[in-house]
Protein backbone atom coordinates (compact mmCIF):
# COMPACT_ATOMS: atom_id res chain seq x y z
CA MET A 1 -2.42 5.85 -12.93
CA SER A 2 0.61 3.74 -11.25
CA LYS A 3 1.84 0.52 -12.70
CA ILE A 4 -0.23 -2.56 -13.70
CA PHE A 5 1.54 -5.60 -12.45
CA ILE A 6 0.69 -8.20 -14.71
CA LEU A 7 1.14 -11.97 -13.53
CA SER A 8 1.08 -15.04 -15.84
CA ALA A 9 1.00 -18.55 -14.72
CA GLY A 10 0.82 -20.32 -17.75
CA THR A 11 2.27 -23.55 -18.11
CA SER A 12 4.83 -22.98 -20.51
CA PRO A 13 6.53 -19.92 -22.65
CA ASP A 14 3.91 -20.51 -25.74
CA SER A 15 0.90 -21.10 -23.37
CA TYR A 16 -2.05 -18.91 -24.16
CA ASN A 17 -2.09 -17.72 -21.39
CA ASN A 18 1.64 -16.39 -21.04
CA GLN A 19 0.86 -15.44 -25.17
CA LEU A 20 -2.19 -13.34 -23.71
CA ALA A 21 -0.34 -11.72 -21.26
CA LYS A 22 2.31 -10.69 -23.16
CA HIS A 23 0.12 -8.98 -25.53
CA LEU A 24 -1.74 -7.43 -22.87
CA SER A 25 1.74 -5.96 -21.49
CA ASN A 26 2.36 -4.48 -25.28
CA TYR A 27 -1.32 -3.29 -25.19
CA PHE A 28 -0.74 -1.14 -22.75
CA ASP A 29 2.57 0.13 -23.75
CA LYS A 30 1.11 1.47 -26.52
CA LYS A 31 -2.08 3.39 -24.51
CA GLY A 32 1.49 4.74 -22.60
CA LEU A 33 0.36 2.47 -19.18
CA GLU A 34 3.52 1.65 -17.11
CA ASN A 35 3.12 -2.47 -16.66
CA VAL A 36 5.17 -5.05 -15.91
CA LEU A 37 5.18 -8.82 -16.73
CA PHE A 38 6.15 -11.72 -14.66
CA ASP A 39 5.51 -15.23 -15.85
CA ASN A 40 7.38 -18.46 -15.63
CA LEU A 41 6.57 -19.17 -12.15
CA TYR A 42 6.87 -22.91 -12.44
CA SER A 43 11.04 -22.68 -12.46
CA ASP A 44 12.38 -19.67 -10.87
CA ILE A 45 10.19 -20.02 -7.97
CA PRO A 46 10.87 -22.70 -5.78
CA PHE A 47 8.21 -23.97 -3.11
CA LEU A 48 7.93 -22.05 0.05
CA LEU A 49 8.72 -24.48 2.76
CA ASP A 50 9.63 -22.44 5.43
CA THR A 51 8.82 -18.42 6.04
CA HIS A 52 12.50 -18.27 7.21
CA ASP A 53 13.98 -19.61 3.57
CA ASP A 54 16.02 -17.73 1.30
CA VAL A 55 13.57 -15.30 -0.61
CA PRO A 56 14.01 -15.97 -4.88
CA GLU A 57 15.32 -13.04 -6.72
CA LYS A 58 12.41 -13.15 -9.04
CA ILE A 59 10.17 -12.70 -5.73
CA LEU A 60 12.66 -10.02 -4.88
CA GLU A 61 12.19 -8.25 -8.18
CA MET A 62 8.35 -9.00 -7.80
CA ARG A 63 7.98 -7.04 -4.49
CA LYS A 64 9.43 -4.04 -5.91
CA SER A 65 6.90 -3.92 -8.81
CA LEU A 66 3.98 -4.61 -6.54
CA GLU A 67 5.44 -1.79 -3.99
CA VAL A 68 4.57 0.81 -7.13
CA SER A 69 1.65 -0.91 -8.56
CA GLU A 70 -1.97 -0.44 -7.77
CA LYS A 71 -3.57 -2.76 -9.71
CA ILE A 72 -3.03 -6.36 -10.90
CA ILE A 73 -3.95 -8.43 -13.34
CA ILE A 74 -3.57 -12.43 -13.07
CA PHE A 75 -3.48 -14.97 -16.31
CA SER A 76 -3.65 -18.59 -15.50
CA PRO A 77 -5.37 -21.79 -16.77
CA VAL A 78 -7.76 -23.69 -14.95
CA TYR A 79 -7.06 -27.48 -14.35
CA ASN A 80 -9.42 -29.98 -12.57
CA GLY A 81 -11.53 -27.08 -11.39
CA GLY A 82 -8.23 -25.76 -9.78
CA PHE A 83 -5.75 -22.66 -10.50
CA LEU A 84 -2.45 -24.08 -10.51
CA ALA A 85 0.20 -24.39 -7.37
CA HIS A 86 2.76 -22.31 -8.82
CA LEU A 87 0.47 -19.43 -8.66
CA LYS A 88 -0.42 -19.88 -5.12
CA ASN A 89 3.07 -20.42 -4.39
CA THR A 90 4.11 -17.21 -5.63
CA LEU A 91 1.41 -15.44 -4.29
CA ASP A 92 2.24 -16.85 -1.07
CA TRP A 93 5.83 -16.01 -1.57
CA LEU A 94 4.71 -12.30 -2.20
CA SER A 95 2.25 -12.54 1.03
CA LEU A 96 5.29 -13.01 3.73
CA ALA A 97 6.11 -9.81 5.87
CA TYR A 98 9.76 -8.62 5.08
CA ASP A 99 11.42 -5.61 6.28
CA GLU A 100 8.93 -3.19 7.98
CA ASN A 101 6.07 -4.88 5.70
CA ARG A 102 3.72 -6.84 7.67
CA TYR A 103 1.61 -9.81 5.95
CA SER A 104 0.23 -9.11 2.65
CA ALA A 105 1.42 -5.37 2.72
CA LEU A 106 2.16 -5.56 -0.70
CA PHE A 107 -1.36 -6.42 -1.83
CA LYS A 108 -3.41 -4.43 0.84
CA GLU A 109 -6.18 -2.59 -1.00
CA LYS A 110 -5.01 -3.17 -4.25
CA LYS A 111 -7.30 -4.34 -7.15
CA VAL A 112 -6.84 -7.60 -8.97
CA ALA A 113 -8.90 -9.53 -12.09
CA VAL A 114 -8.41 -12.76 -13.47
CA VAL A 115 -8.00 -14.04 -16.68
CA THR A 116 -8.22 -17.68 -18.42
CA THR A 117 -7.85 -19.53 -20.74
CA VAL A 118 -9.04 -23.50 -20.74
CA LYS A 119 -8.40 -25.51 -23.17
CA GLY A 120 -12.23 -27.23 -22.73
CA ALA A 121 -15.40 -25.74 -22.07
CA GLY A 122 -14.38 -24.35 -18.70
CA GLY A 123 -17.46 -25.46 -16.86
CA ASN A 124 -15.69 -25.77 -13.80
CA ALA A 125 -13.79 -22.62 -14.33
CA GLN A 126 -16.84 -20.14 -12.53
CA LYS A 127 -16.10 -22.43 -9.37
CA ALA A 128 -12.58 -22.21 -9.72
CA PHE A 129 -12.49 -18.59 -9.78
CA GLU A 130 -14.79 -18.67 -6.68
CA ILE A 131 -12.28 -20.48 -5.00
CA LEU A 132 -9.44 -18.18 -5.79
CA SER A 133 -11.35 -14.87 -5.27
CA MET A 134 -11.71 -16.33 -1.67
CA GLN A 135 -7.82 -16.92 -1.41
CA LEU A 136 -7.15 -13.51 -3.03
CA SER A 137 -9.47 -11.45 -0.57
CA ASN A 138 -7.84 -13.58 2.00
CA TYR A 139 -4.19 -11.44 1.01
CA ASP A 140 -6.42 -8.37 1.19
CA LEU A 141 -6.56 -7.99 -2.54
CA GLN A 142 -9.81 -6.33 -3.87
CA VAL A 143 -11.27 -8.94 -6.50
CA PHE A 144 -12.72 -7.52 -9.78
CA GLU A 145 -16.24 -9.34 -9.67
CA LYS A 146 -16.01 -10.20 -13.28
CA PHE A 147 -13.68 -12.79 -14.48
CA HIS A 148 -12.82 -13.08 -18.27
CA LEU A 149 -12.80 -16.68 -19.20
CA ILE A 150 -11.69 -17.98 -23.24
CA THR A 151 -12.45 -21.31 -24.03
CA LYS A 152 -11.68 -24.08 -26.46
CA SER A 153 -14.73 -23.10 -28.67
CA GLU A 154 -13.14 -19.51 -28.60
CA HIS A 155 -9.99 -20.33 -30.14
CA GLN A 156 -9.87 -24.06 -31.02
CA ASN A 157 -9.35 -23.41 -34.93
CA GLU A 158 -6.36 -20.78 -35.13
CA LYS A 159 -3.19 -21.80 -35.04
CA SER A 160 -2.12 -18.85 -32.47
CA ILE A 161 -4.61 -17.31 -30.03
CA LEU A 162 -3.44 -13.87 -31.10
CA ASN A 163 -5.03 -14.15 -34.53
CA ASN A 164 -8.11 -14.59 -33.11
CA ARG A 165 -9.41 -10.76 -33.41
CA ASP A 166 -12.65 -11.74 -31.24
CA VAL A 167 -10.40 -13.13 -28.34
CA ILE A 168 -7.71 -10.06 -28.41
CA GLU A 169 -10.79 -7.58 -28.47
CA SER A 170 -12.30 -9.17 -25.66
CA LEU A 171 -9.54 -9.10 -23.41
CA ASN A 172 -8.71 -5.67 -24.48
CA SER A 173 -12.65 -4.54 -23.78
CA TYR A 174 -12.22 -6.63 -20.26
CA ALA A 175 -8.86 -4.85 -19.01
CA GLU A 176 -9.96 -1.19 -19.98
CA GLU A 177 -13.07 -2.51 -18.22
CA PHE A 178 -10.76 -3.44 -15.04
CA LEU A 179 -8.63 -0.32 -15.62
CA ASP A 180 -11.71 1.83 -15.71
CA LEU A 181 -10.49 3.38 -19.08
């Protein structure tokens, strides 16, 4: 299997989504699965204003990794019934044509899964996933039909989400199912 591309749109270095993305990257390392993790999508990547803008260095690094990846796992919170703008901005940058690659060439026929940790009950997370799924399909990605939701009730009494064995085991199982291990 080629490299697994992990994209975390958490809102801070210690956000639950970022913590879980790092956990999953380490979990894959221990299993001998090559992977790469990109986070901090909010300060290193300016908003795409014009397709002729200079491409940010982080996007250039992501392109190289996506060229050799066949599966993508996205971590992102849901706010107000939607995923964050910096996630879409990153995906838009990555979808642009470059060199001899056409629009969405980096995404074509790659499989993608989505994980979200929310601070509430996650009542609008399924609808948000459906909207994100449509967008991901527009990029020519093949969206894994299951999405993994971790709600406040599953992590509210933990100092660190990584201490919650149920959350970690469910995440690991979800990832293995997506990767078909």
